[in-house]
PDB file of N, CA and C in Angstrom:
ATOM      1  N   UNK A   1       0.844  -1.175   0.000  1.00  0.00           N
ATOM      2  CA  UNK A   1       0.000   0.000   0.000  1.00  0.00           C
ATOM      3  C   UNK A   1       0.892   1.242   0.000  1.00  0.00           C
ATOM      4  N   UNK A   2       0.499   2.229  -0.778  1.00  0.00           N
ATOM      5  CA  UNK A   2       1.294   3.436  -0.948  1.00  0.00           C
ATOM      6  C   UNK A   2       0.840   4.532   0.001  1.00  0.00           C
ATOM      7  N   UNK A   3       1.750   5.433   0.328  1.00  0.00           N
ATOM      8  CA  UNK A   3       1.408   6.606   1.125  1.00  0.00           C
ATOM      9  C   UNK A   3       0.819   7.707   0.255  1.00  0.00           C
ATOM     10  N   UNK A   4       0.921   7.549  -1.036  1.00  0.00           N
ATOM     11  CA  UNK A   4       0.396   8.530  -1.977  1.00  0.00           C
ATOM     12  C   UNK A   4      -1.045   8.172  -2.303  1.00  0.00           C
ATOM     13  N   UNK A   5      -1.910   9.197  -2.282  1.00  0.00           N
ATOM     14  CA  UNK A   5      -3.323   8.983  -2.589  1.00  0.00           C
ATOM     15  C   UNK A   5      -3.646   9.514  -3.978  1.00  0.00           C
ATOM     16  N   UNK A   6      -4.568   8.865  -4.628  1.00  0.00           N
ATOM     17  CA  UNK A   6      -5.059   9.321  -5.917  1.00  0.00           C
ATOM     18  C   UNK A   6      -5.814  10.636  -5.708  1.00  0.00           C
ATOM     19  N   UNK A   7      -5.511  11.680  -6.474  1.00  0.00           N
ATOM     20  CA  UNK A   7      -6.231  12.945  -6.307  1.00  0.00           C
ATOM     21  C   UNK A   7      -7.664  12.896  -6.825  1.00  0.00           C
ATOM     22  N   UNK A   8      -8.028  11.845  -7.568  1.00  0.00           N
ATOM     23  CA  UNK A   8      -9.363  11.738  -8.132  1.00  0.00           C
ATOM     24  C   UNK A   8     -10.327  10.988  -7.215  1.00  0.00           C
ATOM     25  N   UNK A   9      -9.851   9.879  -6.639  1.00  0.00           N
ATOM     26  CA  UNK A   9     -10.758   9.059  -5.820  1.00  0.00           C
ATOM     27  C   UNK A   9     -10.230   8.822  -4.403  1.00  0.00           C
ATOM     28  N   UNK A  10      -9.092   9.390  -4.063  1.00  0.00           N
ATOM     29  CA  UNK A  10      -8.447   9.276  -2.753  1.00  0.00           C
ATOM     30  C   UNK A  10      -8.039   7.852  -2.382  1.00  0.00           C
ATOM     31  N   UNK A  11      -7.946   6.989  -3.350  1.00  0.00           N
ATOM     32  CA  UNK A  11      -7.510   5.624  -3.103  1.00  0.00           C
ATOM     33  C   UNK A  11      -6.003   5.601  -2.861  1.00  0.00           C
ATOM     34  N   UNK A  12      -5.563   4.669  -2.050  1.00  0.00           N
ATOM     35  CA  UNK A  12      -4.123   4.493  -1.835  1.00  0.00           C
ATOM     36  C   UNK A  12      -3.570   3.357  -2.695  1.00  0.00           C
ATOM     37  N   UNK A  13      -4.385   2.786  -3.555  1.00  0.00           N
ATOM     38  CA  UNK A  13      -3.948   1.718  -4.456  1.00  0.00           C
ATOM     39  C   UNK A  13      -3.406   2.343  -5.728  1.00  0.00           C
ATOM     40  N   UNK A  14      -2.208   2.909  -5.631  1.00  0.00           N
ATOM     41  CA  UNK A  14      -1.571   3.546  -6.779  1.00  0.00           C
ATOM     42  C   UNK A  14      -0.258   2.839  -7.082  1.00  0.00           C
ATOM     43  N   UNK A  15       0.140   2.933  -8.334  1.00  0.00           N
ATOM     44  CA  UNK A  15       1.373   2.275  -8.765  1.00  0.00           C
ATOM     45  C   UNK A  15       2.181   3.266  -9.588  1.00  0.00           C
ATOM     46  N   UNK A  16       3.478   3.328  -9.303  1.00  0.00           N
ATOM     47  CA  UNK A  16       4.339   4.224 -10.062  1.00  0.00           C
ATOM     48  C   UNK A  16       4.531   3.667 -11.464  1.00  0.00           C
ATOM     49  N   UNK A  17       4.470   4.563 -12.452  1.00  0.00           N
ATOM     50  CA  UNK A  17       4.663   4.163 -13.842  1.00  0.00           C
ATOM     51  C   UNK A  17       5.957   4.777 -14.354  1.00  0.00           C
ATOM     52  N   UNK A  18       6.243   4.505 -15.596  1.00  0.00           N
ATOM     53  CA  UNK A  18       7.438   5.045 -16.231  1.00  0.00           C
ATOM     54  C   UNK A  18       7.348   6.567 -16.265  1.00  0.00           C
ATOM     55  N   UNK A  19       8.416   7.259 -15.900  1.00  0.00           N
ATOM     56  CA  UNK A  19       8.426   8.722 -15.870  1.00  0.00           C
ATOM     57  C   UNK A  19       8.322   9.333 -17.253  1.00  0.00           C
ATOM     58  N   UNK A  20       8.618   8.590 -18.273  1.00  0.00           N
ATOM     59  CA  UNK A  20       8.494   9.129 -19.627  1.00  0.00           C
ATOM     60  C   UNK A  20       7.113   8.811 -20.194  1.00  0.00           C
ATOM     61  N   UNK A  21       6.101   8.955 -19.380  1.00  0.00           N
ATOM     62  CA  UNK A  21       4.711   8.692 -19.752  1.00  0.00           C
ATOM     63  C   UNK A  21       4.281   9.631 -20.879  1.00  0.00           C
ATOM     64  N   UNK A  22       3.158   9.401 -21.454  1.00  0.00           N
ATOM     65  CA  UNK A  22       2.657  10.206 -22.573  1.00  0.00           C
ATOM     66  C   UNK A  22       2.492  11.685 -22.216  1.00  0.00           C
ATOM     67  N   UNK A  23       2.482  12.027 -20.934  1.00  0.00           N
ATOM     68  CA  UNK A  23       2.337  13.416 -20.528  1.00  0.00           C
ATOM     69  C   UNK A  23       3.643  14.190 -20.615  1.00  0.00           C
ATOM     70  N   UNK A  24       4.675  13.598 -21.173  1.00  0.00           N
ATOM     71  CA  UNK A  24       5.976  14.261 -21.238  1.00  0.00           C
ATOM     72  C   UNK A  24       5.922  15.522 -22.081  1.00  0.00           C
ATOM     73  N   UNK A  25       5.026  15.589 -23.051  1.00  0.00           N
ATOM     74  CA  UNK A  25       4.912  16.787 -23.871  1.00  0.00           C
ATOM     75  C   UNK A  25       3.798  17.714 -23.365  1.00  0.00           C
ATOM     76  N   UNK A  26       3.520  17.651 -22.100  1.00  0.00           N
ATOM     77  CA  UNK A  26       2.464  18.448 -21.473  1.00  0.00           C
ATOM     78  C   UNK A  26       2.679  19.940 -21.695  1.00  0.00           C
ATOM     79  N   UNK A  27       3.901  20.421 -21.445  1.00  0.00           N
ATOM     80  CA  UNK A  27       4.150  21.853 -21.567  1.00  0.00           C
ATOM     81  C   UNK A  27       3.992  22.319 -23.005  1.00  0.00           C
ATOM     82  N   UNK A  28       4.438  21.527 -23.958  1.00  0.00           N
ATOM     83  CA  UNK A  28       4.303  21.911 -25.357  1.00  0.00           C
ATOM     84  C   UNK A  28       2.832  22.011 -25.758  1.00  0.00           C
ATOM     85  N   UNK A  29       2.007  21.089 -25.284  1.00  0.00           N
ATOM     86  CA  UNK A  29       0.576  21.137 -25.572  1.00  0.00           C
ATOM     87  C   UNK A  29      -0.066  22.359 -24.924  1.00  0.00           C
ATOM     88  N   UNK A  30       0.305  22.631 -23.695  1.00  0.00           N
ATOM     89  CA  UNK A  30      -0.234  23.787 -22.985  1.00  0.00           C
ATOM     90  C   UNK A  30       0.182  25.084 -23.664  1.00  0.00           C
ATOM     91  N   UNK A  31       1.427  25.161 -24.089  1.00  0.00           N
ATOM     92  CA  UNK A  31       1.925  26.383 -24.705  1.00  0.00           C
ATOM     93  C   UNK A  31       1.205  26.684 -26.018  1.00  0.00           C
ATOM     94  N   UNK A  32       0.799  25.665 -26.747  1.00  0.00           N
ATOM     95  CA  UNK A  32       0.042  25.899 -27.982  1.00  0.00           C
ATOM     96  C   UNK A  32      -1.300  26.549 -27.685  1.00  0.00           C
ATOM     97  N   UNK A  33      -1.914  26.199 -26.570  1.00  0.00           N
ATOM     98  CA  UNK A  33      -3.234  26.725 -26.223  1.00  0.00           C
ATOM     99  C   UNK A  33      -3.175  28.145 -25.669  1.00  0.00           C
ATOM    100  N   UNK A  34      -2.120  28.462 -24.951  1.00  0.00           N
ATOM    101  CA  UNK A  34      -2.049  29.771 -24.292  1.00  0.00           C
ATOM    102  C   UNK A  34      -0.935  30.641 -24.855  1.00  0.00           C
ATOM    103  N   UNK A  35      -0.514  30.389 -26.075  1.00  0.00           N
ATOM    104  CA  UNK A  35       0.550  31.188 -26.666  1.00  0.00           C
ATOM    105  C   UNK A  35       0.075  32.628 -26.823  1.00  0.00           C
ATOM    106  N   UNK A  36       0.999  33.580 -26.857  1.00  0.00           N
ATOM    107  CA  UNK A  36       0.595  34.972 -27.064  1.00  0.00           C
ATOM    108  C   UNK A  36      -0.226  35.172 -28.335  1.00  0.00           C
ATOM    109  N   UNK A  37       0.087  34.425 -29.385  1.00  0.00           N
ATOM    110  CA  UNK A  37      -0.683  34.542 -30.629  1.00  0.00           C
ATOM    111  C   UNK A  37      -2.127  34.099 -30.422  1.00  0.00           C
ATOM    112  N   UNK A  38      -2.311  32.943 -29.785  1.00  0.00           N
ATOM    113  CA  UNK A  38      -3.666  32.445 -29.526  1.00  0.00           C
ATOM    114  C   UNK A  38      -4.440  33.402 -28.614  1.00  0.00           C
ATOM    115  N   UNK A  39      -3.759  33.907 -27.610  1.00  0.00           N
ATOM    116  CA  UNK A  39      -4.419  34.833 -26.689  1.00  0.00           C
ATOM    117  C   UNK A  39      -4.741  36.168 -27.368  1.00  0.00           C
ATOM    118  N   UNK A  40      -3.907  36.607 -28.327  1.00  0.00           N
ATOM    119  CA  UNK A  40      -4.197  37.831 -29.083  1.00  0.00           C
ATOM    120  C   UNK A  40      -5.459  37.648 -29.913  1.00  0.00           C
ATOM    121  N   UNK A  41      -5.582  36.498 -30.567  1.00  0.00           N
ATOM    122  CA  UNK A  41      -6.799  36.224 -31.348  1.00  0.00           C
ATOM    123  C   UNK A  41      -8.028  36.181 -30.453  1.00  0.00           C
ATOM    124  N   UNK A  42      -7.892  35.552 -29.310  1.00  0.00           N
ATOM    125  CA  UNK A  42      -8.994  35.482 -28.355  1.00  0.00           C
ATOM    126  C   UNK A  42      -9.354  36.887 -27.851  1.00  0.00           C
ATOM    127  N   UNK A  43      -8.333  37.691 -27.564  1.00  0.00           N
ATOM    128  CA  UNK A  43      -8.561  39.062 -27.108  1.00  0.00           C
ATOM    129  C   UNK A  43      -9.263  39.905 -28.160  1.00  0.00           C
ATOM    130  N   UNK A  44      -8.901  39.698 -29.427  1.00  0.00           N
ATOM    131  CA  UNK A  44      -9.561  40.425 -30.519  1.00  0.00           C
ATOM    132  C   UNK A  44     -11.040  40.072 -30.593  1.00  0.00           C
ATOM    133  N   UNK A  45     -11.336  38.794 -30.475  1.00  0.00           N
ATOM    134  CA  UNK A  45     -12.737  38.360 -30.535  1.00  0.00           C
ATOM    135  C   UNK A  45     -13.547  38.942 -29.381  1.00  0.00           C
ATOM    136  N   UNK A  46     -12.963  38.905 -28.180  1.00  0.00           N
ATOM    137  CA  UNK A  46     -13.661  39.461 -27.024  1.00  0.00           C
ATOM    138  C   UNK A  46     -13.861  40.963 -27.152  1.00  0.00           C
ATOM    139  N   UNK A  47     -12.837  41.655 -27.650  1.00  0.00           N
ATOM    140  CA  UNK A  47     -12.935  43.109 -27.809  1.00  0.00           C
ATOM    141  C   UNK A  47     -14.016  43.477 -28.818  1.00  0.00           C
ATOM    142  N   UNK A  48     -14.088  42.732 -29.922  1.00  0.00           N
ATOM    143  CA  UNK A  48     -15.136  43.001 -30.921  1.00  0.00           C
ATOM    144  C   UNK A  48     -16.523  42.842 -30.313  1.00  0.00           C
ATOM    145  N   UNK A  49     -16.700  41.766 -29.558  1.00  0.00           N
ATOM    146  CA  UNK A  49     -18.017  41.516 -28.942  1.00  0.00           C
ATOM    147  C   UNK A  49     -18.368  42.561 -27.899  1.00  0.00           C
ATOM    148  N   UNK A  50     -17.342  43.099 -27.223  1.00  0.00           N
ATOM    149  CA  UNK A  50     -17.576  44.085 -26.167  1.00  0.00           C
ATOM    150  C   UNK A  50     -17.640  45.509 -26.721  1.00  0.00           C
ATOM    151  N   UNK A  51     -17.373  45.682 -28.019  1.00  0.00           N
ATOM    152  CA  UNK A  51     -17.453  46.999 -28.621  1.00  0.00           C
ATOM    153  C   UNK A  51     -16.177  47.818 -28.506  1.00  0.00           C
ATOM    154  N   UNK A  52     -15.072  47.185 -28.192  1.00  0.00           N
ATOM    155  CA  UNK A  52     -13.785  47.869 -28.110  1.00  0.00           C
ATOM    156  C   UNK A  52     -13.005  47.621 -29.399  1.00  0.00           C
ATOM    157  N   UNK A  53     -11.990  48.446 -29.664  1.00  0.00           N
ATOM    158  CA  UNK A  53     -11.175  48.199 -30.860  1.00  0.00           C
ATOM    159  C   UNK A  53     -10.448  46.849 -30.762  1.00  0.00           C
ATOM    160  N   UNK A  54     -10.450  46.067 -31.831  1.00  0.00           N
ATOM    161  CA  UNK A  54      -9.788  44.758 -31.807  1.00  0.00           C
ATOM    162  C   UNK A  54      -8.309  44.847 -31.467  1.00  0.00           C
ATOM    163  N   UNK A  55      -7.653  45.944 -31.881  1.00  0.00           N
ATOM    164  CA  UNK A  55      -6.234  46.099 -31.579  1.00  0.00           C
ATOM    165  C   UNK A  55      -5.987  46.104 -30.073  1.00  0.00           C
ATOM    166  N   UNK A  56      -6.893  46.748 -29.322  1.00  0.00           N
ATOM    167  CA  UNK A  56      -6.759  46.786 -27.862  1.00  0.00           C
ATOM    168  C   UNK A  56      -6.847  45.373 -27.277  1.00  0.00           C
ATOM    169  N   UNK A  57      -7.800  44.599 -27.744  1.00  0.00           N
ATOM    170  CA  UNK A  57      -7.941  43.221 -27.278  1.00  0.00           C
ATOM    171  C   UNK A  57      -6.743  42.372 -27.639  1.00  0.00           C
ATOM    172  N   UNK A  58      -6.190  42.601 -28.842  1.00  0.00           N
ATOM    173  CA  UNK A  58      -5.016  41.840 -29.266  1.00  0.00           C
ATOM    174  C   UNK A  58      -3.815  42.172 -28.383  1.00  0.00           C
ATOM    175  N   UNK A  59      -3.629  43.455 -28.085  1.00  0.00           N
ATOM    176  CA  UNK A  59      -2.493  43.860 -27.247  1.00  0.00           C
ATOM    177  C   UNK A  59      -2.606  43.259 -25.848  1.00  0.00           C
ATOM    178  N   UNK A  60      -3.789  43.313 -25.285  1.00  0.00           N
ATOM    179  CA  UNK A  60      -4.002  42.731 -23.949  1.00  0.00           C
ATOM    180  C   UNK A  60      -3.800  41.217 -24.006  1.00  0.00           C
ATOM    181  N   UNK A  61      -4.277  40.581 -25.069  1.00  0.00           N
ATOM    182  CA  UNK A  61      -4.116  39.134 -25.228  1.00  0.00           C
ATOM    183  C   UNK A  61      -2.658  38.719 -25.317  1.00  0.00           C
ATOM    184  N   UNK A  62      -1.837  39.507 -26.014  1.00  0.00           N
ATOM    185  CA  UNK A  62      -0.408  39.193 -26.127  1.00  0.00           C
ATOM    186  C   UNK A  62       0.249  39.253 -24.753  1.00  0.00           C
ATOM    187  N   UNK A  63      -0.085  40.280 -23.984  1.00  0.00           N
ATOM    188  CA  UNK A  63       0.503  40.413 -22.642  1.00  0.00           C
ATOM    189  C   UNK A  63       0.055  39.265 -21.744  1.00  0.00           C
ATOM    190  N   UNK A  64      -1.243  38.986 -21.740  1.00  0.00           N
ATOM    191  CA  UNK A  64      -1.764  37.895 -20.907  1.00  0.00           C
ATOM    192  C   UNK A  64      -1.169  36.557 -21.339  1.00  0.00           C
ATOM    193  N   UNK A  65      -1.085  36.310 -22.640  1.00  0.00           N
ATOM    194  CA  UNK A  65      -0.497  35.066 -23.132  1.00  0.00           C
ATOM    195  C   UNK A  65       0.958  34.918 -22.735  1.00  0.00           C
ATOM    196  N   UNK A  66       1.715  36.007 -22.827  1.00  0.00           N
ATOM    197  CA  UNK A  66       3.121  35.964 -22.423  1.00  0.00           C
ATOM    198  C   UNK A  66       3.285  35.649 -20.951  1.00  0.00           C
ATOM    199  N   UNK A  67       2.457  36.277 -20.122  1.00  0.00           N
ATOM    200  CA  UNK A  67       2.515  36.022 -18.677  1.00  0.00           C
ATOM    201  C   UNK A  67       2.142  34.569 -18.381  1.00  0.00           C
ATOM    202  N   UNK A  68       1.104  34.066 -19.034  1.00  0.00           N
ATOM    203  CA  UNK A  68       0.685  32.678 -18.799  1.00  0.00           C
ATOM    204  C   UNK A  68       1.773  31.685 -19.209  1.00  0.00           C
ATOM    205  N   UNK A  69       2.457  31.951 -20.312  1.00  0.00           N
ATOM    206  CA  UNK A  69       3.534  31.058 -20.750  1.00  0.00           C
ATOM    207  C   UNK A  69       4.668  31.060 -19.732  1.00  0.00           C
ATOM    208  N   UNK A  70       5.052  32.236 -19.256  1.00  0.00           N
ATOM    209  CA  UNK A  70       6.146  32.327 -18.281  1.00  0.00           C
ATOM    210  C   UNK A  70       5.785  31.617 -16.982  1.00  0.00           C
ATOM    211  N   UNK A  71       4.579  31.862 -16.488  1.00  0.00           N
ATOM    212  CA  UNK A  71       4.151  31.234 -15.231  1.00  0.00           C
ATOM    213  C   UNK A  71       4.034  29.727 -15.396  1.00  0.00           C
ATOM    214  N   UNK A  72       3.453  29.265 -16.493  1.00  0.00           N
ATOM    215  CA  UNK A  72       3.300  27.817 -16.679  1.00  0.00           C
ATOM    216  C   UNK A  72       4.647  27.143 -16.873  1.00  0.00           C
ATOM    217  N   UNK A  73       5.585  27.802 -17.558  1.00  0.00           N
ATOM    218  CA  UNK A  73       6.908  27.212 -17.723  1.00  0.00           C
ATOM    219  C   UNK A  73       7.627  27.116 -16.383  1.00  0.00           C
ATOM    220  N   UNK A  74       7.511  28.142 -15.554  1.00  0.00           N
ATOM    221  CA  UNK A  74       8.125  28.108 -14.224  1.00  0.00           C
ATOM    222  C   UNK A  74       7.538  26.966 -13.396  1.00  0.00           C
ATOM    223  N   UNK A  75       6.213  26.864 -13.379  1.00  0.00           N
ATOM    224  CA  UNK A  75       5.560  25.804 -12.596  1.00  0.00           C
ATOM    225  C   UNK A  75       5.924  24.428 -13.131  1.00  0.00           C
ATOM    226  N   UNK A  76       5.979  24.288 -14.453  1.00  0.00           N
ATOM    227  CA  UNK A  76       6.335  23.005 -15.049  1.00  0.00           C
ATOM    228  C   UNK A  76       7.744  22.595 -14.630  1.00  0.00           C
ATOM    229  N   UNK A  77       8.691  23.514 -14.766  1.00  0.00           N
ATOM    230  CA  UNK A  77      10.071  23.177 -14.446  1.00  0.00           C
ATOM    231  C   UNK A  77      10.284  22.951 -12.957  1.00  0.00           C
ATOM    232  N   UNK A  78       9.571  23.687 -12.120  1.00  0.00           N
ATOM    233  CA  UNK A  78       9.755  23.550 -10.681  1.00  0.00           C
ATOM    234  C   UNK A  78       9.074  22.305 -10.124  1.00  0.00           C
ATOM    235  N   UNK A  79       7.893  21.981 -10.613  1.00  0.00           N
ATOM    236  CA  UNK A  79       7.110  20.905 -10.013  1.00  0.00           C
ATOM    237  C   UNK A  79       6.946  19.683 -10.920  1.00  0.00           C
ATOM    238  N   UNK A  80       6.421  19.887 -12.106  1.00  0.00           N
ATOM    239  CA  UNK A  80       5.973  18.762 -12.912  1.00  0.00           C
ATOM    240  C   UNK A  80       7.112  17.993 -13.570  1.00  0.00           C
ATOM    241  N   UNK A  81       8.162  18.679 -14.013  1.00  0.00           N
ATOM    242  CA  UNK A  81       9.216  17.970 -14.744  1.00  0.00           C
ATOM    243  C   UNK A  81       9.940  16.960 -13.863  1.00  0.00           C
ATOM    244  N   UNK A  82       9.993  17.186 -12.560  1.00  0.00           N
ATOM    245  CA  UNK A  82      10.655  16.254 -11.645  1.00  0.00           C
ATOM    246  C   UNK A  82       9.670  15.328 -10.935  1.00  0.00           C
ATOM    247  N   UNK A  83       8.423  15.432 -11.302  1.00  0.00           N
ATOM    248  CA  UNK A  83       7.397  14.635 -10.630  1.00  0.00           C
ATOM    249  C   UNK A  83       7.445  13.188 -11.101  1.00  0.00           C
ATOM    250  N   UNK A  84       7.033  12.324 -10.227  1.00  0.00           N
ATOM    251  CA  UNK A  84       6.929  10.908 -10.564  1.00  0.00           C
ATOM    252  C   UNK A  84       5.503  10.642 -11.045  1.00  0.00           C
ATOM    253  N   UNK A  85       5.403   9.766 -12.025  1.00  0.00           N
ATOM    254  CA  UNK A  85       4.115   9.443 -12.627  1.00  0.00           C
ATOM    255  C   UNK A  85       3.497   8.229 -11.942  1.00  0.00           C
ATOM    256  N   UNK A  86       2.190   8.301 -11.709  1.00  0.00           N
ATOM    257  CA  UNK A  86       1.465   7.211 -11.061  1.00  0.00           C
ATOM    258  C   UNK A  86       0.176   6.914 -11.812  1.00  0.00           C
ATOM    259  N   UNK A  87      -0.355   5.730 -11.572  1.00  0.00           N
ATOM    260  CA  UNK A  87      -1.672   5.366 -12.059  1.00  0.00           C
ATOM    261  C   UNK A  87      -2.443   4.778 -10.882  1.00  0.00           C
ATOM    262  N   UNK A  88      -3.694   5.188 -10.764  1.00  0.00           N
ATOM    263  CA  UNK A  88      -4.552   4.646  -9.712  1.00  0.00           C
ATOM    264  C   UNK A  88      -5.099   3.308 -10.198  1.00  0.00           C
ATOM    265  N   UNK A  89      -5.000   2.294  -9.371  1.00  0.00           N
ATOM    266  CA  UNK A  89      -5.483   0.978  -9.764  1.00  0.00           C
ATOM    267  C   UNK A  89      -6.980   0.822  -9.524  1.00  0.00           C
ATOM    268  N   UNK A  90      -7.594   1.812  -8.876  1.00  0.00           N
ATOM    269  CA  UNK A  90      -9.040   1.759  -8.680  1.00  0.00           C
ATOM    270  C   UNK A  90      -9.786   2.498  -9.792  1.00  0.00           C
ATOM    271  N   UNK A  91      -9.408   3.784 -10.032  1.00  0.00           N
ATOM    272  CA  UNK A  91     -10.132   4.572 -11.039  1.00  0.00           C
ATOM    273  C   UNK A  91      -9.366   4.695 -12.363  1.00  0.00           C
ATOM    274  N   UNK A  92      -8.157   4.150 -12.414  1.00  0.00           N
ATOM    275  CA  UNK A  92      -7.324   4.095 -13.619  1.00  0.00           C
ATOM    276  C   UNK A  92      -6.941   5.467 -14.173  1.00  0.00           C
ATOM    277  N   UNK A  93      -6.894   6.478 -13.321  1.00  0.00           N
ATOM    278  CA  UNK A  93      -6.464   7.812 -13.730  1.00  0.00           C
ATOM    279  C   UNK A  93      -4.952   7.925 -13.592  1.00  0.00           C
ATOM    280  N   UNK A  94      -4.321   8.612 -14.533  1.00  0.00           N
ATOM    281  CA  UNK A  94      -2.886   8.908 -14.445  1.00  0.00           C
ATOM    282  C   UNK A  94      -2.725  10.243 -13.744  1.00  0.00           C
ATOM    283  N   UNK A  95      -1.695  10.377 -12.929  1.00  0.00           N
ATOM    284  CA  UNK A  95      -1.393  11.648 -12.286  1.00  0.00           C
ATOM    285  C   UNK A  95       0.068  11.702 -11.944  1.00  0.00           C
ATOM    286  N   UNK A  96       0.546  12.902 -11.683  1.00  0.00           N
ATOM    287  CA  UNK A  96       1.946  13.118 -11.314  1.00  0.00           C
ATOM    288  C   UNK A  96       1.988  13.563  -9.862  1.00  0.00           C
ATOM    289  N   UNK A  97       3.052  13.180  -9.180  1.00  0.00           N
ATOM    290  CA  UNK A  97       3.219  13.535  -7.771  1.00  0.00           C
ATOM    291  C   UNK A  97       4.618  14.101  -7.598  1.00  0.00           C
ATOM    292  N   UNK A  98       4.685  15.368  -7.223  1.00  0.00           N
ATOM    293  CA  UNK A  98       5.980  16.022  -7.018  1.00  0.00           C
ATOM    294  C   UNK A  98       6.320  15.990  -5.538  1.00  0.00           C
ATOM    295  N   UNK A  99       7.486  15.515  -5.232  1.00  0.00           N
ATOM    296  CA  UNK A  99       7.933  15.474  -3.842  1.00  0.00           C
ATOM    297  C   UNK A  99       8.702  16.756  -3.545  1.00  0.00           C
ATOM    298  N   UNK A 100       8.478  17.344  -2.404  1.00  0.00           N
ATOM    299  CA  UNK A 100       9.151  18.594  -2.052  1.00  0.00           C
ATOM    300  C   UNK A 100      10.585  18.361  -1.673  1.00  0.00           C
TER     301      UNK A 100
END
């Protein structure tokens, strides 16, 4: 029995898996979704709907996207990249556990 609990079902029946699990490209996938370019497009759409100039929304989106990329990269490198991968044997969910 493990001291680590599944974050989904709180079961202690978890098993460590290979650290090079399919989630290894997690940061790259996340960065595609929150890139400054994607956030600029999203900001333009929101600005148009709100009646503001699209350029203003794009500028805000670029700043927000840049901040999100920096924060997510910091969190990834500090916590997730060194985390061990586990699978719950009860609910079959994969998760990572970072030890302090």
